[in-house]
């Protein structure tokens, strides 16, 4: 659906997903876009926002998994360094 101002539902979805930054000024002052956003937040919007929500959740999980993996790698590197330094101390004796 295209609003009276020319913005489409797809553009509104992209805007809500953070992808249509060029619409920020327009959406902030447009009564048609504001009405459509009101429909979205009130639950009356007929479009499906679940793909955008799922992408966000999947990205959040990816970031958490990456941080966890990096922490594990860092911990293993520290343990390996401690073993190496311990072996160096014994060799120096």
N, C-alpha and C. Protein backbone atom coordinates (compact mmCIF):
# COMPACT_ATOMS: atom_id res chain seq x y z
N UNK A 1 0.85 -1.18 0.00
CA UNK A 1 0.00 0.00 0.00
C UNK A 1 0.89 1.25 0.00
N UNK A 2 0.48 2.25 -0.75
CA UNK A 2 1.20 3.51 -0.80
C UNK A 2 0.37 4.58 -0.09
N UNK A 3 0.99 5.28 0.83
CA UNK A 3 0.31 6.34 1.57
C UNK A 3 0.10 7.55 0.67
N UNK A 4 -0.75 8.49 1.09
CA UNK A 4 -1.03 9.69 0.30
C UNK A 4 0.23 10.52 0.06
N UNK A 5 1.21 10.41 0.95
CA UNK A 5 2.45 11.18 0.80
C UNK A 5 3.43 10.51 -0.15
N UNK A 6 3.12 9.27 -0.60
CA UNK A 6 3.99 8.57 -1.54
C UNK A 6 4.87 7.52 -0.90
N UNK A 7 4.89 7.43 0.41
CA UNK A 7 5.71 6.42 1.10
C UNK A 7 4.94 5.10 1.09
N UNK A 8 5.64 4.01 0.79
CA UNK A 8 4.99 2.70 0.74
C UNK A 8 5.13 1.97 2.08
N UNK A 9 4.31 0.93 2.25
CA UNK A 9 4.41 0.12 3.45
C UNK A 9 5.79 -0.53 3.56
N UNK A 10 6.36 -0.90 2.43
CA UNK A 10 7.70 -1.49 2.44
C UNK A 10 8.72 -0.49 2.98
N UNK A 11 8.58 0.77 2.60
CA UNK A 11 9.48 1.81 3.11
C UNK A 11 9.28 2.03 4.60
N UNK A 12 8.02 1.97 5.05
CA UNK A 12 7.73 2.10 6.48
C UNK A 12 8.40 0.95 7.23
N UNK A 13 8.30 -0.27 6.70
CA UNK A 13 8.95 -1.42 7.34
C UNK A 13 10.46 -1.23 7.40
N UNK A 14 11.05 -0.77 6.29
CA UNK A 14 12.50 -0.51 6.27
C UNK A 14 12.86 0.56 7.28
N UNK A 15 12.05 1.60 7.37
CA UNK A 15 12.28 2.68 8.34
C UNK A 15 12.26 2.12 9.76
N UNK A 16 11.27 1.28 10.06
CA UNK A 16 11.18 0.69 11.39
C UNK A 16 12.35 -0.24 11.67
N UNK A 17 12.89 -0.82 10.61
CA UNK A 17 14.03 -1.73 10.75
C UNK A 17 15.36 -0.96 10.78
N UNK A 18 15.28 0.37 10.65
CA UNK A 18 16.49 1.19 10.69
C UNK A 18 17.18 1.33 9.35
N UNK A 19 16.53 0.89 8.28
CA UNK A 19 17.18 0.91 6.97
C UNK A 19 16.87 2.11 6.10
N UNK A 20 15.80 2.83 6.39
CA UNK A 20 15.40 3.95 5.53
C UNK A 20 15.67 5.26 6.25
N UNK A 21 16.95 5.52 6.53
CA UNK A 21 17.30 6.73 7.27
C UNK A 21 16.96 8.00 6.50
N UNK A 22 16.85 7.89 5.18
CA UNK A 22 16.51 9.07 4.38
C UNK A 22 15.08 9.54 4.66
N UNK A 23 14.28 8.70 5.31
CA UNK A 23 12.90 9.07 5.62
C UNK A 23 12.74 9.70 7.00
N UNK A 24 13.79 9.78 7.78
CA UNK A 24 13.67 10.26 9.16
C UNK A 24 12.99 11.62 9.25
N UNK A 25 13.45 12.59 8.49
CA UNK A 25 12.85 13.94 8.54
C UNK A 25 11.41 13.92 8.05
N UNK A 26 11.17 13.18 6.98
CA UNK A 26 9.83 13.12 6.41
C UNK A 26 8.84 12.48 7.39
N UNK A 27 9.20 11.31 7.91
CA UNK A 27 8.30 10.58 8.79
C UNK A 27 7.99 11.38 10.05
N UNK A 28 8.95 12.12 10.53
CA UNK A 28 8.76 12.90 11.74
C UNK A 28 7.73 14.01 11.61
N UNK A 29 7.49 14.47 10.39
CA UNK A 29 6.56 15.59 10.19
C UNK A 29 5.34 15.23 9.35
N UNK A 30 5.28 14.02 8.83
CA UNK A 30 4.19 13.63 7.93
C UNK A 30 3.03 13.01 8.70
N UNK A 31 1.85 13.58 8.54
CA UNK A 31 0.67 13.06 9.25
C UNK A 31 0.29 11.67 8.76
N UNK A 32 0.52 11.38 7.46
CA UNK A 32 0.17 10.07 6.91
C UNK A 32 1.09 8.99 7.48
N UNK A 33 2.38 9.28 7.51
CA UNK A 33 3.34 8.32 8.07
C UNK A 33 3.10 8.14 9.56
N UNK A 34 2.80 9.23 10.25
CA UNK A 34 2.53 9.14 11.69
C UNK A 34 1.31 8.26 11.95
N UNK A 35 0.29 8.40 11.11
CA UNK A 35 -0.91 7.57 11.26
C UNK A 35 -0.58 6.10 11.01
N UNK A 36 0.27 5.84 10.01
CA UNK A 36 0.65 4.44 9.71
C UNK A 36 1.47 3.88 10.87
N UNK A 37 2.38 4.68 11.41
CA UNK A 37 3.16 4.22 12.56
C UNK A 37 2.27 3.94 13.76
N UNK A 38 1.24 4.77 13.92
CA UNK A 38 0.28 4.55 15.01
C UNK A 38 -0.41 3.19 14.82
N UNK A 39 -0.74 2.86 13.57
CA UNK A 39 -1.34 1.56 13.28
C UNK A 39 -0.38 0.43 13.63
N UNK A 40 0.89 0.63 13.31
CA UNK A 40 1.89 -0.39 13.59
C UNK A 40 1.96 -0.64 15.09
N UNK A 41 2.09 0.43 15.86
CA UNK A 41 2.29 0.28 17.30
C UNK A 41 1.00 -0.17 18.01
N UNK A 42 -0.15 0.13 17.44
CA UNK A 42 -1.40 -0.29 18.08
C UNK A 42 -1.79 -1.72 17.70
N UNK A 43 -1.09 -2.30 16.74
CA UNK A 43 -1.36 -3.66 16.33
C UNK A 43 -2.33 -3.78 15.17
N UNK A 44 -2.79 -2.65 14.62
CA UNK A 44 -3.74 -2.68 13.52
C UNK A 44 -3.07 -2.78 12.16
N UNK A 45 -1.74 -2.69 12.11
CA UNK A 45 -1.00 -2.76 10.86
C UNK A 45 -1.12 -4.15 10.27
N UNK A 46 -1.45 -4.25 9.00
CA UNK A 46 -1.65 -5.55 8.37
C UNK A 46 -0.36 -6.18 7.86
N UNK A 47 0.71 -5.41 7.83
CA UNK A 47 1.98 -5.95 7.34
C UNK A 47 2.61 -6.88 8.35
N UNK A 48 3.53 -7.71 7.89
CA UNK A 48 4.21 -8.67 8.74
C UNK A 48 5.60 -8.14 9.10
N UNK A 49 5.79 -7.79 10.35
CA UNK A 49 7.08 -7.28 10.81
C UNK A 49 7.96 -8.37 11.39
N UNK A 50 7.47 -9.61 11.41
CA UNK A 50 8.25 -10.68 12.04
C UNK A 50 9.62 -10.91 11.40
N UNK A 51 9.80 -10.78 10.07
CA UNK A 51 11.16 -10.95 9.54
C UNK A 51 12.15 -9.94 10.11
N UNK A 52 11.73 -8.69 10.24
CA UNK A 52 12.62 -7.67 10.79
C UNK A 52 12.95 -7.97 12.25
N UNK A 53 11.95 -8.39 13.00
CA UNK A 53 12.17 -8.73 14.41
C UNK A 53 13.09 -9.93 14.53
N UNK A 54 12.87 -10.95 13.70
CA UNK A 54 13.73 -12.13 13.75
C UNK A 54 15.16 -11.81 13.36
N UNK A 55 15.36 -10.95 12.35
CA UNK A 55 16.73 -10.55 11.98
C UNK A 55 17.42 -9.88 13.15
N UNK A 56 16.70 -9.03 13.86
CA UNK A 56 17.29 -8.34 15.00
C UNK A 56 17.66 -9.34 16.09
N UNK A 57 16.76 -10.27 16.39
CA UNK A 57 17.05 -11.27 17.42
C UNK A 57 18.21 -12.17 17.02
N UNK A 58 18.24 -12.57 15.74
CA UNK A 58 19.33 -13.42 15.28
C UNK A 58 20.65 -12.67 15.36
N UNK A 59 20.67 -11.39 15.03
CA UNK A 59 21.90 -10.61 15.12
C UNK A 59 22.35 -10.49 16.57
N UNK A 60 21.41 -10.23 17.47
CA UNK A 60 21.75 -10.15 18.90
C UNK A 60 22.36 -11.46 19.38
N UNK A 61 21.77 -12.58 18.97
CA UNK A 61 22.31 -13.88 19.37
C UNK A 61 23.69 -14.09 18.77
N UNK A 62 23.89 -13.69 17.52
CA UNK A 62 25.21 -13.80 16.87
C UNK A 62 26.25 -13.01 17.65
N UNK A 63 25.92 -11.78 18.05
CA UNK A 63 26.87 -10.96 18.81
C UNK A 63 27.20 -11.63 20.14
N UNK A 64 26.18 -12.11 20.84
CA UNK A 64 26.43 -12.77 22.13
C UNK A 64 27.30 -14.01 21.95
N UNK A 65 27.03 -14.81 20.92
CA UNK A 65 27.83 -16.01 20.66
C UNK A 65 29.27 -15.65 20.32
N UNK A 66 29.46 -14.59 19.54
CA UNK A 66 30.80 -14.16 19.16
C UNK A 66 31.59 -13.68 20.37
N UNK A 67 30.95 -12.89 21.23
CA UNK A 67 31.62 -12.41 22.44
C UNK A 67 31.99 -13.58 23.34
N UNK A 68 31.09 -14.53 23.48
CA UNK A 68 31.36 -15.71 24.31
C UNK A 68 32.53 -16.51 23.74
N UNK A 69 32.55 -16.69 22.42
CA UNK A 69 33.63 -17.43 21.79
C UNK A 69 34.96 -16.69 21.97
N UNK A 70 34.95 -15.38 21.78
CA UNK A 70 36.18 -14.59 21.94
C UNK A 70 36.70 -14.68 23.37
N UNK A 71 35.80 -14.65 24.34
CA UNK A 71 36.21 -14.77 25.74
C UNK A 71 36.85 -16.13 25.99
N UNK A 72 36.27 -17.17 25.40
CA UNK A 72 36.84 -18.51 25.56
C UNK A 72 38.22 -18.63 24.93
N UNK A 73 38.37 -18.04 23.75
CA UNK A 73 39.68 -18.07 23.07
C UNK A 73 40.69 -17.29 23.91
N UNK A 74 40.29 -16.14 24.42
CA UNK A 74 41.19 -15.34 25.26
C UNK A 74 41.62 -16.09 26.50
N UNK A 75 40.69 -16.77 27.15
CA UNK A 75 41.03 -17.54 28.34
C UNK A 75 42.00 -18.67 28.02
N UNK A 76 41.78 -19.36 26.88
CA UNK A 76 42.70 -20.44 26.49
C UNK A 76 44.08 -19.90 26.16
N UNK A 77 44.14 -18.71 25.55
CA UNK A 77 45.43 -18.10 25.24
C UNK A 77 46.19 -17.74 26.51
N UNK A 78 45.49 -17.23 27.51
CA UNK A 78 46.13 -16.89 28.78
C UNK A 78 46.65 -18.15 29.45
N UNK A 79 45.85 -19.23 29.47
CA UNK A 79 46.31 -20.50 30.06
C UNK A 79 47.54 -21.03 29.33
N UNK A 80 47.53 -20.95 28.00
CA UNK A 80 48.67 -21.42 27.23
C UNK A 80 49.91 -20.58 27.53
N UNK A 81 49.74 -19.29 27.67
CA UNK A 81 50.87 -18.41 27.99
C UNK A 81 51.42 -18.74 29.37
N UNK A 82 50.54 -19.01 30.32
CA UNK A 82 50.98 -19.35 31.67
C UNK A 82 51.78 -20.65 31.66
N UNK A 83 51.31 -21.64 30.89
CA UNK A 83 52.04 -22.91 30.78
C UNK A 83 53.39 -22.66 30.13
N UNK A 84 53.41 -21.87 29.08
CA UNK A 84 54.66 -21.57 28.37
C UNK A 84 55.64 -20.87 29.30
N UNK A 85 55.17 -19.87 30.04
CA UNK A 85 56.05 -19.15 30.96
C UNK A 85 56.53 -20.06 32.08
N UNK A 86 55.66 -20.95 32.53
CA UNK A 86 56.08 -21.93 33.56
C UNK A 86 57.16 -22.85 33.02
N UNK A 87 57.03 -23.27 31.78
CA UNK A 87 58.03 -24.13 31.17
C UNK A 87 59.34 -23.36 30.98
N UNK A 88 59.26 -22.08 30.67
CA UNK A 88 60.47 -21.26 30.51
C UNK A 88 61.19 -21.11 31.84
N UNK A 89 60.43 -20.94 32.93
CA UNK A 89 61.04 -20.81 34.26
C UNK A 89 61.80 -22.09 34.62
N UNK A 90 61.20 -23.25 34.33
CA UNK A 90 61.86 -24.52 34.63
C UNK A 90 63.12 -24.69 33.79
N UNK A 91 63.08 -24.24 32.52
CA UNK A 91 64.24 -24.38 31.65
C UNK A 91 65.38 -23.47 32.10
N UNK A 92 65.03 -22.33 32.70
CA UNK A 92 66.04 -21.37 33.15
C UNK A 92 66.73 -21.85 34.43
N UNK A 93 66.14 -22.77 35.15
CA UNK A 93 66.75 -23.23 36.42
C UNK A 93 67.92 -24.09 36.18
